[in-house]
Amino acid sequence: MPQLAYDAVLCDIDGVLRHWPAADPLEQAHGLPVGALAAAAFAPARLHPAITGEITDEPWRSAVAADLADRYRSPEQAHAAVAA
């Protein structure tokens, strides 16, 4: 059997290896309905570019904040919720 340069490959598949904490208290603190952050952050059109490396964390968070600002709150409050 050939010698390999590595012993294992670890792939992080959200929900298997990484679990996101509940955002309910954060949403409530910023006047957002429960589930608003997850809906904005994990919308397929927004999530796919983030998990495939097409965009980095900063533009992903900015897009989430923009979506929240459009739907629920002012841009300042939306950015504060995403940054928290």
N, C-alpha and C. Protein backbone atom coordinates (compact mmCIF):
# COMPACT_ATOMS: atom_id res chain seq x y z
N MET A 1 0.85 -1.17 0.00
CA MET A 1 0.00 0.00 0.00
C MET A 1 0.90 1.24 0.00
N PRO A 2 0.58 2.25 -0.83
CA PRO A 2 1.43 3.45 -0.90
C PRO A 2 1.35 4.28 0.38
N GLN A 3 2.45 4.97 0.69
CA GLN A 3 2.52 5.87 1.85
C GLN A 3 1.79 7.17 1.52
N LEU A 4 0.86 7.59 2.37
CA LEU A 4 0.11 8.82 2.16
C LEU A 4 0.71 9.94 2.99
N ALA A 5 0.56 11.18 2.51
CA ALA A 5 1.12 12.34 3.20
C ALA A 5 0.25 12.78 4.38
N TYR A 6 -0.87 12.13 4.58
CA TYR A 6 -1.79 12.51 5.65
C TYR A 6 -2.44 11.25 6.21
N ASP A 7 -2.93 11.37 7.43
CA ASP A 7 -3.59 10.24 8.09
C ASP A 7 -5.11 10.30 8.00
N ALA A 8 -5.63 11.52 7.89
CA ALA A 8 -7.08 11.68 7.88
C ALA A 8 -7.45 12.98 7.18
N VAL A 9 -8.69 13.05 6.76
CA VAL A 9 -9.25 14.27 6.20
C VAL A 9 -10.47 14.61 7.05
N LEU A 10 -10.50 15.83 7.56
CA LEU A 10 -11.61 16.28 8.38
C LEU A 10 -12.41 17.32 7.61
N CYS A 11 -13.68 17.05 7.42
CA CYS A 11 -14.57 17.99 6.71
C CYS A 11 -15.62 18.48 7.70
N ASP A 12 -15.74 19.79 7.81
CA ASP A 12 -16.73 20.38 8.71
C ASP A 12 -18.02 20.61 7.94
N ILE A 13 -19.01 19.83 8.26
CA ILE A 13 -20.32 19.97 7.64
C ILE A 13 -21.25 20.51 8.71
N ASP A 14 -21.70 21.75 8.54
CA ASP A 14 -22.52 22.40 9.57
C ASP A 14 -23.66 21.50 10.00
N GLY A 15 -23.87 21.47 11.30
CA GLY A 15 -24.91 20.64 11.88
C GLY A 15 -24.43 19.26 12.26
N VAL A 16 -23.27 18.86 11.74
CA VAL A 16 -22.69 17.57 12.10
C VAL A 16 -21.57 17.81 13.10
N LEU A 17 -20.62 18.64 12.73
CA LEU A 17 -19.50 18.94 13.61
C LEU A 17 -19.66 20.27 14.32
N ARG A 18 -20.38 21.16 13.74
CA ARG A 18 -20.57 22.49 14.34
C ARG A 18 -22.06 22.73 14.52
N HIS A 19 -22.41 23.10 15.73
CA HIS A 19 -23.79 23.44 16.04
C HIS A 19 -23.85 24.90 16.45
N TRP A 20 -24.73 25.65 15.82
CA TRP A 20 -24.88 27.07 16.13
C TRP A 20 -25.72 27.21 17.38
N PRO A 21 -25.31 28.06 18.32
CA PRO A 21 -26.13 28.27 19.52
C PRO A 21 -27.44 28.97 19.16
N ALA A 22 -28.43 28.78 20.01
CA ALA A 22 -29.71 29.44 19.79
C ALA A 22 -29.52 30.96 19.82
N ALA A 23 -30.15 31.63 18.90
CA ALA A 23 -30.00 33.09 18.79
C ALA A 23 -31.18 33.83 19.41
N ASP A 24 -32.11 33.10 20.03
CA ASP A 24 -33.32 33.73 20.56
C ASP A 24 -33.02 34.94 21.46
N PRO A 25 -32.12 34.82 22.46
CA PRO A 25 -31.86 35.98 23.32
C PRO A 25 -31.25 37.15 22.55
N LEU A 26 -30.40 36.86 21.60
CA LEU A 26 -29.78 37.90 20.78
C LEU A 26 -30.84 38.60 19.92
N GLU A 27 -31.70 37.80 19.31
CA GLU A 27 -32.77 38.38 18.49
C GLU A 27 -33.69 39.24 19.34
N GLN A 28 -34.06 38.75 20.50
CA GLN A 28 -34.94 39.51 21.38
C GLN A 28 -34.28 40.81 21.83
N ALA A 29 -32.99 40.76 22.13
CA ALA A 29 -32.27 41.96 22.58
C ALA A 29 -32.22 43.04 21.50
N HIS A 30 -32.29 42.62 20.24
CA HIS A 30 -32.21 43.57 19.13
C HIS A 30 -33.55 43.78 18.43
N GLY A 31 -34.62 43.32 19.06
CA GLY A 31 -35.96 43.56 18.52
C GLY A 31 -36.28 42.78 17.26
N LEU A 32 -35.65 41.62 17.10
CA LEU A 32 -35.90 40.79 15.92
C LEU A 32 -36.80 39.61 16.31
N PRO A 33 -37.62 39.14 15.39
CA PRO A 33 -38.41 37.96 15.69
C PRO A 33 -37.51 36.73 15.80
N VAL A 34 -37.92 35.77 16.62
CA VAL A 34 -37.16 34.53 16.77
C VAL A 34 -37.06 33.86 15.40
N GLY A 35 -35.86 33.47 15.04
CA GLY A 35 -35.61 32.81 13.76
C GLY A 35 -35.16 33.74 12.66
N ALA A 36 -35.19 35.05 12.91
CA ALA A 36 -34.83 36.01 11.87
C ALA A 36 -33.36 35.90 11.45
N LEU A 37 -32.47 35.73 12.42
CA LEU A 37 -31.04 35.62 12.08
C LEU A 37 -30.77 34.37 11.24
N ALA A 38 -31.31 33.24 11.66
CA ALA A 38 -31.09 32.01 10.90
C ALA A 38 -31.68 32.12 9.49
N ALA A 39 -32.86 32.69 9.39
CA ALA A 39 -33.49 32.83 8.07
C ALA A 39 -32.64 33.69 7.15
N ALA A 40 -32.09 34.77 7.69
CA ALA A 40 -31.26 35.66 6.86
C ALA A 40 -29.90 35.04 6.57
N ALA A 41 -29.29 34.42 7.57
CA ALA A 41 -27.93 33.90 7.42
C ALA A 41 -27.87 32.64 6.57
N PHE A 42 -28.89 31.79 6.67
CA PHE A 42 -28.83 30.49 6.01
C PHE A 42 -29.76 30.37 4.81
N ALA A 43 -30.22 31.50 4.30
CA ALA A 43 -30.99 31.47 3.05
C ALA A 43 -30.09 30.85 1.98
N PRO A 44 -30.58 29.90 1.20
CA PRO A 44 -29.72 29.18 0.26
C PRO A 44 -28.89 30.08 -0.65
N ALA A 45 -29.46 31.13 -1.17
CA ALA A 45 -28.71 32.00 -2.08
C ALA A 45 -27.57 32.72 -1.35
N ARG A 46 -27.70 32.91 -0.06
CA ARG A 46 -26.66 33.58 0.73
C ARG A 46 -25.67 32.56 1.30
N LEU A 47 -26.17 31.42 1.72
CA LEU A 47 -25.32 30.43 2.38
C LEU A 47 -24.35 29.76 1.41
N HIS A 48 -24.83 29.39 0.24
CA HIS A 48 -23.98 28.64 -0.70
C HIS A 48 -22.67 29.36 -1.02
N PRO A 49 -22.69 30.65 -1.38
CA PRO A 49 -21.41 31.32 -1.63
C PRO A 49 -20.50 31.37 -0.40
N ALA A 50 -21.08 31.41 0.79
CA ALA A 50 -20.27 31.48 2.01
C ALA A 50 -19.60 30.14 2.31
N ILE A 51 -20.31 29.05 2.15
CA ILE A 51 -19.73 27.75 2.50
C ILE A 51 -18.87 27.16 1.40
N THR A 52 -18.95 27.71 0.21
CA THR A 52 -18.09 27.23 -0.87
C THR A 52 -16.87 28.11 -1.09
N GLY A 53 -16.74 29.17 -0.30
CA GLY A 53 -15.57 30.03 -0.40
C GLY A 53 -15.66 31.10 -1.46
N GLU A 54 -16.82 31.27 -2.08
CA GLU A 54 -16.98 32.33 -3.08
C GLU A 54 -16.92 33.71 -2.45
N ILE A 55 -17.39 33.81 -1.20
CA ILE A 55 -17.29 35.06 -0.45
C ILE A 55 -16.71 34.75 0.93
N THR A 56 -16.14 35.76 1.56
CA THR A 56 -15.58 35.58 2.89
C THR A 56 -16.62 35.94 3.96
N ASP A 57 -16.23 35.80 5.20
CA ASP A 57 -17.13 36.04 6.31
C ASP A 57 -17.67 37.47 6.33
N GLU A 58 -16.82 38.44 6.06
CA GLU A 58 -17.24 39.85 6.14
C GLU A 58 -18.38 40.19 5.17
N PRO A 59 -18.26 39.86 3.87
CA PRO A 59 -19.39 40.17 2.98
C PRO A 59 -20.64 39.34 3.29
N TRP A 60 -20.44 38.12 3.82
CA TRP A 60 -21.60 37.31 4.20
C TRP A 60 -22.34 37.99 5.35
N ARG A 61 -21.62 38.42 6.38
CA ARG A 61 -22.25 39.10 7.51
C ARG A 61 -22.90 40.42 7.07
N SER A 62 -22.25 41.13 6.17
CA SER A 62 -22.83 42.39 5.67
C SER A 62 -24.14 42.12 4.94
N ALA A 63 -24.19 41.05 4.16
CA ALA A 63 -25.42 40.70 3.44
C ALA A 63 -26.52 40.29 4.41
N VAL A 64 -26.16 39.57 5.46
CA VAL A 64 -27.14 39.19 6.49
C VAL A 64 -27.70 40.44 7.15
N ALA A 65 -26.82 41.36 7.53
CA ALA A 65 -27.25 42.60 8.17
C ALA A 65 -28.13 43.42 7.24
N ALA A 66 -27.78 43.48 5.96
CA ALA A 66 -28.59 44.24 5.00
C ALA A 66 -29.99 43.63 4.88
N ASP A 67 -30.06 42.30 4.86
CA ASP A 67 -31.36 41.63 4.78
C ASP A 67 -32.20 41.95 6.02
N LEU A 68 -31.58 41.87 7.19
CA LEU A 68 -32.30 42.18 8.43
C LEU A 68 -32.75 43.63 8.46
N ALA A 69 -31.90 44.54 8.00
CA ALA A 69 -32.25 45.96 7.98
C ALA A 69 -33.44 46.21 7.06
N ASP A 70 -33.44 45.54 5.90
CA ASP A 70 -34.55 45.70 4.96
C ASP A 70 -35.86 45.18 5.53
N ARG A 71 -35.78 44.09 6.27
CA ARG A 71 -36.99 43.44 6.75
C ARG A 71 -37.51 43.97 8.08
N TYR A 72 -36.59 44.31 9.00
CA TYR A 72 -37.04 44.54 10.37
C TYR A 72 -36.60 45.84 11.02
N ARG A 73 -35.36 46.24 10.85
CA ARG A 73 -34.82 47.31 11.69
C ARG A 73 -33.97 48.26 10.87
N SER A 74 -33.41 49.22 11.57
CA SER A 74 -32.49 50.16 10.93
C SER A 74 -31.18 49.45 10.63
N PRO A 75 -30.39 49.96 9.69
CA PRO A 75 -29.09 49.35 9.38
C PRO A 75 -28.18 49.25 10.60
N GLU A 76 -28.18 50.25 11.46
CA GLU A 76 -27.31 50.24 12.63
C GLU A 76 -27.68 49.09 13.57
N GLN A 77 -28.98 48.92 13.82
CA GLN A 77 -29.42 47.86 14.71
C GLN A 77 -29.18 46.48 14.09
N ALA A 78 -29.37 46.36 12.80
CA ALA A 78 -29.14 45.08 12.13
C ALA A 78 -27.66 44.71 12.20
N HIS A 79 -26.78 45.66 11.93
CA HIS A 79 -25.34 45.38 12.01
C HIS A 79 -24.93 45.03 13.43
N ALA A 80 -25.53 45.67 14.43
CA ALA A 80 -25.23 45.36 15.82
C ALA A 80 -25.65 43.93 16.17
N ALA A 81 -26.79 43.50 15.67
CA ALA A 81 -27.26 42.14 15.93
C ALA A 81 -26.33 41.12 15.30
N VAL A 82 -25.89 41.38 14.08
CA VAL A 82 -25.00 40.44 13.38
C VAL A 82 -23.63 40.42 14.03
N ALA A 83 -23.16 41.55 14.51
CA ALA A 83 -21.83 41.63 15.12
C ALA A 83 -21.80 41.02 16.52
N ALA A 84 -22.97 40.92 17.17
CA ALA A 84 -23.01 40.42 18.56
C ALA A 84 -22.72 38.93 18.64
